[in-house]
Amino acid sequence: MFGVLEGTGFEVIEPEFESCFVGHVRVERLWSGARWSEGPAWFPAGRYLVWSDIPNNRMLRWDETDGSVSEFRRPSNNANGNTVDTQGRLVTCEHLTRCVTRTEHDGSISVIASHWDGKRLNSPNDVVVKSDGSVWFTDPSYGILMDYEGDRADSEIGSCNVYRVDPATGEVELAADGFFKPNGLAFSEDEEWLFVSDTGVTHDDDGPAHIEKFKVGSNGKSLEDRGVFASCTAGLFDGFRLDRDGRIWSSAADGVHCLNADGVLIGKVRIPEMVGNVCFGGPKLNRLFIAGTSSLYSVYLNVNGVK
């Protein structure tokens, strides 16, 4: 019989989901006290996780060695999405500065992207770094729509897009347009596919609440064969990550949704609050860290995440 398994946070929708978890494993709440948690990023060398508390204008740090939580950075310029680049440096989307930044090994902060076509970005939201060192990020308008997570302002670009920062020249290039509100993004393990969520329904009743799938061109930077991969059945797909078998683990209103490689919803990790983003961590990348609205959760899975 399939459904919510008593005493756990797992809901089986399709039988194939059963292989993704161990029956006795439970969801753990690691910390609580945020206003809106986002952008978890795992640092394996230090065995710690960094994530954003956007309205509180701070970034937090959870230490695996002792379970402690401390402030990593305040003010954070209303930081949102975070990732770790190929050299182990923190890359961050900042609403307040409308920039993508990188924290260098010496602690200094460099601006990676601030403008496109001579105009200020809207409010970079989420970011990934490809193996070639290129930085890809989404740029919806959430941080300039109100003062709660940034500064209210007009969009200079007039649209919400996905961009790529060239690793050799630092040039900010348009990767894909035609979105309402591009949000989370992630590459498949072989980097042949890019997935981007569009959460346009937040400000347009007829807007999308889905993930789109793009084929990465042979040059490693063009995007082709665009199509809808999956639509959300509970709220929105915000941030998400892939595992090594091509499944997507995405935030949603009722927890984390697991979609197989065909975009079919096969199961859920139930969380008692809306989820903003997730990432894989731990030495085997088999621990899913979950940024709920006010809390940080984790659960061990029988899958391994893509870095």
C-alpha atoms as a PDB file:
ATOM      1  CA  MET A   1       0.000   0.000   0.000  1.00  0.00           C
ATOM      2  CA  PHE A   2       1.371   3.371  -0.982  1.00  0.00           C
ATOM      3  CA  GLY A   3       0.885   6.687   0.771  1.00  0.00           C
ATOM      4  CA  VAL A   4       2.310   8.504   3.782  1.00  0.00           C
ATOM      5  CA  LEU A   5       4.512   6.097   5.726  1.00  0.00           C
ATOM      6  CA  GLU A   6       3.748   6.299   9.434  1.00  0.00           C
ATOM      7  CA  GLY A   7       6.459   7.959  11.493  1.00  0.00           C
ATOM      8  CA  THR A   8       8.474   9.255   8.539  1.00  0.00           C
ATOM      9  CA  GLY A   9       8.432  12.169   6.167  1.00  0.00           C
ATOM     10  CA  PHE A  10       8.278   9.998   3.048  1.00  0.00           C
ATOM     11  CA  GLU A  11       5.211   9.740   0.814  1.00  0.00           C
ATOM     12  CA  VAL A  12       5.363   7.098  -1.892  1.00  0.00           C
ATOM     13  CA  ILE A  13       3.436   7.956  -5.052  1.00  0.00           C
ATOM     14  CA  GLU A  14       5.118   5.544  -7.458  1.00  0.00           C
ATOM     15  CA  PRO A  15       6.774   2.286  -6.332  1.00  0.00           C
ATOM     16  CA  GLU A  16      10.150   3.336  -7.761  1.00  0.00           C
ATOM     17  CA  PHE A  17      10.425   5.954  -5.017  1.00  0.00           C
ATOM     18  CA  GLU A  18      10.827   3.239  -2.385  1.00  0.00           C
ATOM     19  CA  SER A  19      14.406   2.597  -3.501  1.00  0.00           C
ATOM     20  CA  CYS A  20      15.319   6.241  -2.755  1.00  0.00           C
ATOM     21  CA  PHE A  21      15.163   5.965   1.029  1.00  0.00           C
ATOM     22  CA  VAL A  22      15.715   3.649   3.973  1.00  0.00           C
ATOM     23  CA  GLY A  23      12.532   2.846   5.871  1.00  0.00           C
ATOM     24  CA  HIS A  24      13.713   3.740   9.371  1.00  0.00           C
ATOM     25  CA  VAL A  25      15.324   7.065   8.398  1.00  0.00           C
ATOM     26  CA  ARG A  26      13.616  10.186   9.727  1.00  0.00           C
ATOM     27  CA  VAL A  27      13.622  13.840   8.735  1.00  0.00           C
ATOM     28  CA  GLU A  28      15.616  15.920  11.224  1.00  0.00           C
ATOM     29  CA  ARG A  29      15.046  19.562  12.048  1.00  0.00           C
ATOM     30  CA  LEU A  30      18.519  20.990  12.591  1.00  0.00           C
ATOM     31  CA  TRP A  31      17.639  24.598  13.475  1.00  0.00           C
ATOM     32  CA  SER A  32      14.776  27.102  13.457  1.00  0.00           C
ATOM     33  CA  GLY A  33      14.512  30.885  13.644  1.00  0.00           C
ATOM     34  CA  ALA A  34      14.615  32.300  10.103  1.00  0.00           C
ATOM     35  CA  ARG A  35      12.035  34.384   8.243  1.00  0.00           C
ATOM     36  CA  TRP A  36      12.646  32.917   4.781  1.00  0.00           C
ATOM     37  CA  SER A  37      15.422  30.371   4.302  1.00  0.00           C
ATOM     38  CA  GLU A  38      17.035  29.932   0.894  1.00  0.00           C
ATOM     39  CA  GLY A  39      20.159  28.967  -0.999  1.00  0.00           C
ATOM     40  CA  PRO A  40      21.824  26.144   0.985  1.00  0.00           C
ATOM     41  CA  ALA A  41      25.387  25.345  -0.154  1.00  0.00           C
ATOM     42  CA  TRP A  42      27.593  22.558   1.194  1.00  0.00           C
ATOM     43  CA  PHE A  43      31.325  23.041   1.840  1.00  0.00           C
ATOM     44  CA  PRO A  44      32.877  19.570   2.087  1.00  0.00           C
ATOM     45  CA  ALA A  45      36.348  20.643   3.208  1.00  0.00           C
ATOM     46  CA  GLY A  46      34.954  22.415   6.271  1.00  0.00           C
ATOM     47  CA  ARG A  47      31.988  20.082   6.814  1.00  0.00           C
ATOM     48  CA  TYR A  48      29.558  22.975   7.046  1.00  0.00           C
ATOM     49  CA  LEU A  49      26.514  24.366   5.268  1.00  0.00           C
ATOM     50  CA  VAL A  50      25.856  28.016   4.435  1.00  0.00           C
ATOM     51  CA  TRP A  51      22.373  29.305   3.673  1.00  0.00           C
ATOM     52  CA  SER A  52      20.493  32.601   3.413  1.00  0.00           C
ATOM     53  CA  ASP A  53      17.820  34.177   5.593  1.00  0.00           C
ATOM     54  CA  ILE A  54      16.783  36.786   3.040  1.00  0.00           C
ATOM     55  CA  PRO A  55      14.459  39.185   4.951  1.00  0.00           C
ATOM     56  CA  ASN A  56      16.741  39.161   7.993  1.00  0.00           C
ATOM     57  CA  ASN A  57      19.620  40.240   5.737  1.00  0.00           C
ATOM     58  CA  ARG A  58      21.973  37.532   6.950  1.00  0.00           C
ATOM     59  CA  MET A  59      23.604  34.259   6.010  1.00  0.00           C
ATOM     60  CA  LEU A  60      23.843  31.376   8.454  1.00  0.00           C
ATOM     61  CA  ARG A  61      26.304  28.528   8.937  1.00  0.00           C
ATOM     62  CA  TRP A  62      25.528  25.036  10.251  1.00  0.00           C
ATOM     63  CA  ASP A  63      28.539  23.027  11.440  1.00  0.00           C
ATOM     64  CA  GLU A  64      28.318  19.255  10.956  1.00  0.00           C
ATOM     65  CA  THR A  65      31.004  18.599  13.559  1.00  0.00           C
ATOM     66  CA  ASP A  66      28.939  19.855  16.508  1.00  0.00           C
ATOM     67  CA  GLY A  67      25.526  20.848  15.113  1.00  0.00           C
ATOM     68  CA  SER A  68      26.003  24.507  15.984  1.00  0.00           C
ATOM     69  CA  VAL A  69      24.533  27.387  13.977  1.00  0.00           C
ATOM     70  CA  SER A  70      26.164  30.802  13.749  1.00  0.00           C
ATOM     71  CA  GLU A  71      25.910  33.894  11.597  1.00  0.00           C
ATOM     72  CA  PHE A  72      28.146  33.590   8.572  1.00  0.00           C
ATOM     73  CA  ARG A  73      27.583  37.115   7.268  1.00  0.00           C
ATOM     74  CA  ARG A  74      25.497  40.113   8.319  1.00  0.00           C
ATOM     75  CA  PRO A  75      24.529  42.215   6.479  1.00  0.00           C
ATOM     76  CA  SER A  76      24.331  39.897   3.510  1.00  0.00           C
ATOM     77  CA  ASN A  77      22.816  42.346   1.003  1.00  0.00           C
ATOM     78  CA  ASN A  78      19.655  40.209   1.156  1.00  0.00           C
ATOM     79  CA  ALA A  79      21.560  37.234  -0.217  1.00  0.00           C
ATOM     80  CA  ASN A  80      19.433  34.540  -1.866  1.00  0.00           C
ATOM     81  CA  GLY A  81      20.893  31.615  -3.834  1.00  0.00           C
ATOM     82  CA  ASN A  82      24.381  30.265  -3.149  1.00  0.00           C
ATOM     83  CA  THR A  83      26.689  27.678  -4.651  1.00  0.00           C
ATOM     84  CA  VAL A  84      30.306  26.549  -4.486  1.00  0.00           C
ATOM     85  CA  ASP A  85      32.519  27.000  -7.536  1.00  0.00           C
ATOM     86  CA  THR A  86      35.188  24.663  -8.917  1.00  0.00           C
ATOM     87  CA  GLN A  87      37.798  26.198  -6.593  1.00  0.00           C
ATOM     88  CA  GLY A  88      35.693  25.853  -3.445  1.00  0.00           C
ATOM     89  CA  ARG A  89      34.658  29.511  -3.291  1.00  0.00           C
ATOM     90  CA  LEU A  90      31.212  30.760  -2.317  1.00  0.00           C
ATOM     91  CA  VAL A  91      29.156  32.307  -5.131  1.00  0.00           C
ATOM     92  CA  THR A  92      26.122  34.320  -4.025  1.00  0.00           C
ATOM     93  CA  CYS A  93      23.115  36.076  -5.551  1.00  0.00           C
ATOM     94  CA  GLU A  94      22.410  39.384  -3.803  1.00  0.00           C
ATOM     95  CA  HIS A  95      19.057  41.141  -4.068  1.00  0.00           C
ATOM     96  CA  LEU A  96      20.108  44.423  -2.484  1.00  0.00           C
ATOM     97  CA  THR A  97      23.122  45.066  -4.716  1.00  0.00           C
ATOM     98  CA  ARG A  98      21.477  43.333  -7.704  1.00  0.00           C
ATOM     99  CA  CYS A  99      24.734  41.447  -8.210  1.00  0.00           C
ATOM    100  CA  VAL A 100      26.281  37.999  -8.263  1.00  0.00           C
ATOM    101  CA  THR A 101      29.348  37.929  -6.025  1.00  0.00           C
ATOM    102  CA  ARG A 102      32.159  35.558  -5.144  1.00  0.00           C
ATOM    103  CA  THR A 103      33.791  35.250  -1.739  1.00  0.00           C
ATOM    104  CA  GLU A 104      37.494  34.764  -2.353  1.00  0.00           C
ATOM    105  CA  HIS A 105      39.755  32.499  -0.315  1.00  0.00           C
ATOM    106  CA  ASP A 106      41.047  35.510   1.640  1.00  0.00           C
ATOM    107  CA  GLY A 107      37.487  36.584   2.555  1.00  0.00           C
ATOM    108  CA  SER A 108      37.256  39.501   0.146  1.00  0.00           C
ATOM    109  CA  ILE A 109      34.199  39.766  -2.078  1.00  0.00           C
ATOM    110  CA  SER A 110      34.357  40.211  -5.856  1.00  0.00           C
ATOM    111  CA  VAL A 111      31.497  41.158  -8.155  1.00  0.00           C
ATOM    112  CA  ILE A 112      30.966  38.581 -10.908  1.00  0.00           C
ATOM    113  CA  ALA A 113      27.909  40.141 -12.562  1.00  0.00           C
ATOM    114  CA  SER A 114      26.053  43.402 -12.066  1.00  0.00           C
ATOM    115  CA  HIS A 115      24.872  44.515 -15.532  1.00  0.00           C
ATOM    116  CA  TRP A 116      23.779  43.133 -18.869  1.00  0.00           C
ATOM    117  CA  ASP A 117      23.709  45.220 -22.041  1.00  0.00           C
ATOM    118  CA  GLY A 118      24.683  48.263 -19.965  1.00  0.00           C
ATOM    119  CA  LYS A 119      21.688  47.924 -17.627  1.00  0.00           C
ATOM    120  CA  ARG A 120      21.522  46.833 -14.010  1.00  0.00           C
ATOM    121  CA  LEU A 121      20.323  43.324 -13.323  1.00  0.00           C
ATOM    122  CA  ASN A 122      16.956  42.905 -11.603  1.00  0.00           C
ATOM    123  CA  SER A 123      17.756  40.780  -8.538  1.00  0.00           C
ATOM    124  CA  PRO A 124      19.815  37.632  -9.134  1.00  0.00           C
ATOM    125  CA  ASN A 125      18.060  34.704  -7.502  1.00  0.00           C
ATOM    126  CA  ASP A 126      19.841  31.357  -7.902  1.00  0.00           C
ATOM    127  CA  VAL A 127      23.184  30.307  -9.325  1.00  0.00           C
ATOM    128  CA  VAL A 128      25.158  27.265 -10.483  1.00  0.00           C
ATOM    129  CA  VAL A 129      28.736  26.862 -11.694  1.00  0.00           C
ATOM    130  CA  LYS A 130      29.481  24.548 -14.623  1.00  0.00           C
ATOM    131  CA  SER A 131      32.630  22.403 -14.730  1.00  0.00           C
ATOM    132  CA  ASP A 132      34.211  24.813 -17.235  1.00  0.00           C
ATOM    133  CA  GLY A 133      33.994  27.576 -14.624  1.00  0.00           C
ATOM    134  CA  SER A 134      31.112  29.445 -16.257  1.00  0.00           C
ATOM    135  CA  VAL A 135      28.561  30.924 -13.846  1.00  0.00           C
ATOM    136  CA  TRP A 136      24.857  30.579 -14.710  1.00  0.00           C
ATOM    137  CA  PHE A 137      22.174  32.481 -12.821  1.00  0.00           C
ATOM    138  CA  THR A 138      18.509  33.465 -12.920  1.00  0.00           C
ATOM    139  CA  ASP A 139      17.390  37.079 -12.678  1.00  0.00           C
ATOM    140  CA  PRO A 140      13.701  37.521 -11.797  1.00  0.00           C
ATOM    141  CA  SER A 141      12.368  40.742 -10.295  1.00  0.00           C
ATOM    142  CA  TYR A 142      11.464  39.557  -6.794  1.00  0.00           C
ATOM    143  CA  GLY A 143      14.104  41.671  -5.043  1.00  0.00           C
ATOM    144  CA  ILE A 144      12.941  44.913  -6.675  1.00  0.00           C
ATOM    145  CA  LEU A 145       9.195  44.325  -6.412  1.00  0.00           C
ATOM    146  CA  MET A 146       9.114  45.237  -2.719  1.00  0.00           C
ATOM    147  CA  ASP A 147      11.318  46.282   0.186  1.00  0.00           C
ATOM    148  CA  TYR A 148      10.960  43.035   2.138  1.00  0.00           C
ATOM    149  CA  GLU A 149      13.808  41.206   0.373  1.00  0.00           C
ATOM    150  CA  GLY A 150      15.649  44.101  -1.272  1.00  0.00           C
ATOM    151  CA  ASP A 151      14.901  47.638  -2.470  1.00  0.00           C
ATOM    152  CA  ARG A 152      11.833  48.478  -4.511  1.00  0.00           C
ATOM    153  CA  ALA A 153      12.886  49.706  -7.961  1.00  0.00           C
ATOM    154  CA  ASP A 154      11.982  49.595 -11.631  1.00  0.00           C
ATOM    155  CA  SER A 155      13.572  47.003 -13.873  1.00  0.00           C
ATOM    156  CA  GLU A 156      16.142  48.556 -16.196  1.00  0.00           C
ATOM    157  CA  ILE A 157      16.244  45.485 -18.434  1.00  0.00           C
ATOM    158  CA  GLY A 158      12.472  45.130 -18.649  1.00  0.00           C
ATOM    159  CA  SER A 159      12.499  41.316 -18.660  1.00  0.00           C
ATOM    160  CA  CYS A 160      13.525  38.361 -16.497  1.00  0.00           C
ATOM    161  CA  ASN A 161      16.195  36.091 -17.972  1.00  0.00           C
ATOM    162  CA  VAL A 162      18.869  33.465 -17.431  1.00  0.00           C
ATOM    163  CA  TYR A 163      22.478  34.568 -17.892  1.00  0.00           C
ATOM    164  CA  ARG A 164      25.903  32.989 -18.291  1.00  0.00           C
ATOM    165  CA  VAL A 165      29.175  34.567 -17.168  1.00  0.00           C
ATOM    166  CA  ASP A 166      32.042  33.562 -19.436  1.00  0.00           C
ATOM    167  CA  PRO A 167      34.936  32.152 -17.370  1.00  0.00           C
ATOM    168  CA  ALA A 168      37.616  33.612 -19.664  1.00  0.00           C
ATOM    169  CA  THR A 169      36.301  37.118 -20.313  1.00  0.00           C
ATOM    170  CA  GLY A 170      33.874  37.708 -17.441  1.00  0.00           C
ATOM    171  CA  GLU A 171      31.278  38.852 -19.977  1.00  0.00           C
ATOM    172  CA  VAL A 172      27.644  38.478 -18.930  1.00  0.00           C
ATOM    173  CA  GLU A 173      25.794  36.741 -21.778  1.00  0.00           C
ATOM    174  CA  LEU A 174      22.074  36.163 -22.270  1.00  0.00           C
ATOM    175  CA  ALA A 175      21.510  32.403 -22.075  1.00  0.00           C
ATOM    176  CA  ALA A 176      17.702  32.223 -22.274  1.00  0.00           C
ATOM    177  CA  ASP A 177      14.768  34.630 -22.196  1.00  0.00           C
ATOM    178  CA  GLY A 178      10.985  34.359 -22.398  1.00  0.00           C
ATOM    179  CA  PHE A 179      10.426  33.670 -18.694  1.00  0.00           C
ATOM    180  CA  PHE A 180       7.911  35.154 -16.286  1.00  0.00           C
ATOM    181  CA  LYS A 181      10.036  34.645 -13.153  1.00  0.00           C
ATOM    182  CA  PRO A 182      13.026  32.315 -13.675  1.00  0.00           C
ATOM    183  CA  ASN A 183      14.000  30.910 -10.310  1.00  0.00           C
ATOM    184  CA  GLY A 184      15.945  27.727  -9.473  1.00  0.00           C
ATOM    185  CA  LEU A 185      18.332  26.098 -11.932  1.00  0.00           C
ATOM    186  CA  ALA A 186      20.598  23.044 -12.088  1.00  0.00           C
ATOM    187  CA  PHE A 187      22.560  20.980 -14.602  1.00  0.00           C
ATOM    188  CA  SER A 188      22.319  17.247 -15.086  1.00  0.00           C
ATOM    189  CA  GLU A 189      25.425  15.347 -13.995  1.00  0.00           C
ATOM    190  CA  ASP A 190      26.761  15.131 -17.570  1.00  0.00           C
ATOM    191  CA  GLU A 191      25.905  18.822 -18.087  1.00  0.00           C
ATOM    192  CA  GLU A 192      24.027  17.989 -21.274  1.00  0.00           C
ATOM    193  CA  TRP A 193      20.798  19.417 -19.850  1.00  0.00           C
ATOM    194  CA  LEU A 194      19.916  22.565 -17.927  1.00  0.00           C
ATOM    195  CA  PHE A 195      16.741  22.749 -15.864  1.00  0.00           C
ATOM    196  CA  VAL A 196      15.156  26.097 -14.895  1.00  0.00           C
ATOM    197  CA  SER A 197      12.046  26.653 -12.798  1.00  0.00           C
ATOM    198  CA  ASP A 198       9.614  29.463 -13.611  1.00  0.00           C
ATOM    199  CA  THR A 199       7.491  30.693 -10.710  1.00  0.00           C
ATOM    200  CA  GLY A 200       5.577  33.355 -12.631  1.00  0.00           C
ATOM    201  CA  VAL A 201       2.285  32.338 -11.039  1.00  0.00           C
ATOM    202  CA  THR A 202       3.340  34.275  -7.920  1.00  0.00           C
ATOM    203  CA  HIS A 203       2.419  37.521  -9.680  1.00  0.00           C
ATOM    204  CA  ASP A 204       0.227  36.357 -12.565  1.00  0.00           C
ATOM    205  CA  ASP A 205      -2.696  33.976 -12.095  1.00  0.00           C
ATOM    206  CA  ASP A 206      -2.022  32.606 -15.564  1.00  0.00           C
ATOM    207  CA  GLY A 207       1.732  32.422 -15.011  1.00  0.00           C
ATOM    208  CA  PRO A 208       3.769  29.210 -14.948  1.00  0.00           C
ATOM    209  CA  ALA A 209       4.587  26.947 -12.007  1.00  0.00           C
ATOM    210  CA  HIS A 210       6.866  24.514 -13.757  1.00  0.00           C
ATOM    211  CA  ILE A 211      10.416  23.427 -14.564  1.00  0.00           C
ATOM    212  CA  GLU A 212      11.719  23.836 -18.113  1.00  0.00           C
ATOM    213  CA  LYS A 213      14.397  21.645 -19.677  1.00  0.00           C
ATOM    214  CA  PHE A 214      17.037  22.823 -22.147  1.00  0.00           C
ATOM    215  CA  LYS A 215      19.556  20.881 -24.194  1.00  0.00           C
ATOM    216  CA  VAL A 216      23.044  22.386 -23.846  1.00  0.00           C
ATOM    217  CA  GLY A 217      24.609  22.978 -27.256  1.00  0.00           C
ATOM    218  CA  SER A 218      27.888  21.444 -28.403  1.00  0.00           C
ATOM    219  CA  ASN A 219      29.666  24.744 -27.659  1.00  0.00           C
ATOM    220  CA  GLY A 220      28.780  24.294 -23.985  1.00  0.00           C
ATOM    221  CA  LYS A 221      26.867  27.547 -23.689  1.00  0.00           C
ATOM    222  CA  SER A 222      23.947  27.727 -26.124  1.00  0.00           C
ATOM    223  CA  LEU A 223      20.569  26.289 -25.065  1.00  0.00           C
ATOM    224  CA  GLU A 224      18.299  24.346 -27.418  1.00  0.00           C
ATOM    225  CA  ASP A 225      15.205  22.095 -27.508  1.00  0.00           C
ATOM    226  CA  ARG A 226      13.306  24.010 -24.840  1.00  0.00           C
ATOM    227  CA  GLY A 227      10.322  22.313 -23.249  1.00  0.00           C
ATOM    228  CA  VAL A 228       8.323  21.956 -20.036  1.00  0.00           C
ATOM    229  CA  PHE A 229       9.738  19.142 -17.913  1.00  0.00           C
ATOM    230  CA  ALA A 230       7.155  19.070 -15.092  1.00  0.00           C
ATOM    231  CA  SER A 231       4.463  21.235 -13.480  1.00  0.00           C
ATOM    232  CA  CYS A 232       4.136  21.627  -9.731  1.00  0.00           C
ATOM    233  CA  THR A 233       1.127  20.075  -8.017  1.00  0.00           C
ATOM    234  CA  ALA A 234       1.582  21.878  -4.676  1.00  0.00           C
ATOM    235  CA  GLY A 235       2.653  25.494  -4.771  1.00  0.00           C
ATOM    236  CA  LEU A 236       5.838  26.156  -6.717  1.00  0.00           C
ATOM    237  CA  PHE A 237       9.105  24.574  -7.737  1.00  0.00           C
ATOM    238  CA  ASP A 238      11.604  27.073  -6.347  1.00  0.00           C
ATOM    239  CA  GLY A 239      15.112  25.652  -5.863  1.00  0.00           C
ATOM    240  CA  PHE A 240      16.095  22.081  -6.714  1.00  0.00           C
ATOM    241  CA  ARG A 241      18.967  19.644  -7.257  1.00  0.00           C
ATOM    242  CA  LEU A 242      19.518  16.465  -9.261  1.00  0.00           C
ATOM    243  CA  ASP A 243      20.817  13.104  -8.134  1.00  0.00           C
ATOM    244  CA  ARG A 244      23.139  10.872 -10.146  1.00  0.00           C
ATOM    245  CA  ASP A 245      20.248   8.876 -11.579  1.00  0.00           C
ATOM    246  CA  GLY A 246      18.650  11.949 -13.130  1.00  0.00           C
ATOM    247  CA  ARG A 247      15.926  12.497 -10.550  1.00  0.00           C
ATOM    248  CA  ILE A 248      15.067  16.041  -9.498  1.00  0.00           C
ATOM    249  CA  TRP A 249      14.525  16.860  -5.821  1.00  0.00           C
ATOM    250  CA  SER A 250      12.634  20.142  -5.725  1.00  0.00           C
ATOM    251  CA  SER A 251      11.171  22.476  -3.158  1.00  0.00           C
ATOM    252  CA  ALA A 252       7.381  22.772  -3.040  1.00  0.00           C
ATOM    253  CA  ALA A 253       4.631  24.012  -0.729  1.00  0.00           C
ATOM    254  CA  ASP A 254       4.321  20.701   1.127  1.00  0.00           C
ATOM    255  CA  GLY A 255       7.965  19.690   1.260  1.00  0.00           C
ATOM    256  CA  VAL A 256      10.322  18.238  -1.341  1.00  0.00           C
ATOM    257  CA  HIS A 257       8.996  16.624  -4.521  1.00  0.00           C
ATOM    258  CA  CYS A 258      10.985  13.885  -6.233  1.00  0.00           C
ATOM    259  CA  LEU A 259      10.579  13.701 -10.021  1.00  0.00           C
ATOM    260  CA  ASN A 260      12.057  10.892 -12.069  1.00  0.00           C
ATOM    261  CA  ALA A 261      14.042  11.477 -15.258  1.00  0.00           C
ATOM    262  CA  ASP A 262      10.789  11.603 -17.246  1.00  0.00           C
ATOM    263  CA  GLY A 263       9.337  14.365 -15.056  1.00  0.00           C
ATOM    264  CA  VAL A 264       6.912  12.079 -13.229  1.00  0.00           C
ATOM    265  CA  LEU A 265       6.258  12.852  -9.560  1.00  0.00           C
ATOM    266  CA  ILE A 266       7.219   9.623  -7.780  1.00  0.00           C
ATOM    267  CA  GLY A 267       7.298  10.718  -4.148  1.00  0.00           C
ATOM    268  CA  LYS A 268       7.636  13.432  -1.566  1.00  0.00           C
ATOM    269  CA  VAL A 269       9.612  14.236   1.546  1.00  0.00           C
ATOM    270  CA  ARG A 270       6.930  15.833   3.684  1.00  0.00           C
ATOM    271  CA  ILE A 271       8.025  18.967   5.577  1.00  0.00           C
ATOM    272  CA  PRO A 272       5.648  20.909   7.884  1.00  0.00           C
ATOM    273  CA  GLU A 273       6.314  24.244   6.166  1.00  0.00           C
ATOM    274  CA  MET A 274       6.929  25.625   2.693  1.00  0.00           C
ATOM    275  CA  VAL A 275      10.359  24.774   1.294  1.00  0.00           C
ATOM    276  CA  GLY A 276      12.521  27.294  -0.556  1.00  0.00           C
ATOM    277  CA  ASN A 277      15.522  25.269  -1.693  1.00  0.00           C
ATOM    278  CA  VAL A 278      17.608  22.136  -1.152  1.00  0.00           C
ATOM    279  CA  CYS A 279      21.120  20.798  -1.669  1.00  0.00           C
ATOM    280  CA  PHE A 280      22.992  17.539  -1.224  1.00  0.00           C
ATOM    281  CA  GLY A 281      25.811  17.321   1.301  1.00  0.00           C
ATOM    282  CA  GLY A 282      27.856  15.069   3.500  1.00  0.00           C
ATOM    283  CA  PRO A 283      30.935  13.115   2.379  1.00  0.00           C
ATOM    284  CA  LYS A 284      28.838  10.840   0.139  1.00  0.00           C
ATOM    285  CA  LEU A 285      26.378  13.514  -1.021  1.00  0.00           C
ATOM    286  CA  ASN A 286      23.561  11.335   0.276  1.00  0.00           C
ATOM    287  CA  ARG A 287      22.213  13.812   2.822  1.00  0.00           C
ATOM    288  CA  LEU A 288      19.565  16.219   1.555  1.00  0.00           C
ATOM    289  CA  PHE A 289      19.570  19.590   3.297  1.00  0.00           C
ATOM    290  CA  ILE A 290      16.211  21.337   3.128  1.00  0.00           C
ATOM    291  CA  ALA A 291      15.690  25.081   3.626  1.00  0.00           C
ATOM    292  CA  GLY A 292      12.152  25.406   4.970  1.00  0.00           C
ATOM    293  CA  THR A 293      10.525  28.768   5.535  1.00  0.00           C
ATOM    294  CA  SER A 294      11.822  29.182   9.079  1.00  0.00           C
ATOM    295  CA  SER A 295      13.903  26.061   9.631  1.00  0.00           C
ATOM    296  CA  LEU A 296      16.757  23.943   8.322  1.00  0.00           C
ATOM    297  CA  TYR A 297      16.045  20.225   7.902  1.00  0.00           C
ATOM    298  CA  SER A 298      17.997  17.245   6.657  1.00  0.00           C
ATOM    299  CA  VAL A 299      17.341  13.642   5.713  1.00  0.00           C
ATOM    300  CA  TYR A 300      19.614  10.810   4.622  1.00  0.00           C
ATOM    301  CA  LEU A 301      18.627   9.235   1.301  1.00  0.00           C
ATOM    302  CA  ASN A 302      19.560   6.117  -0.616  1.00  0.00           C
ATOM    303  CA  VAL A 303      20.709   8.266  -3.545  1.00  0.00           C
ATOM    304  CA  ASN A 304      23.763  10.416  -4.238  1.00  0.00           C
ATOM    305  CA  GLY A 305      23.460  14.002  -5.345  1.00  0.00           C
ATOM    306  CA  VAL A 306      25.172  15.835  -8.173  1.00  0.00           C
ATOM    307  CA  LYS A 307      27.769  18.301  -6.889  1.00  0.00           C
END
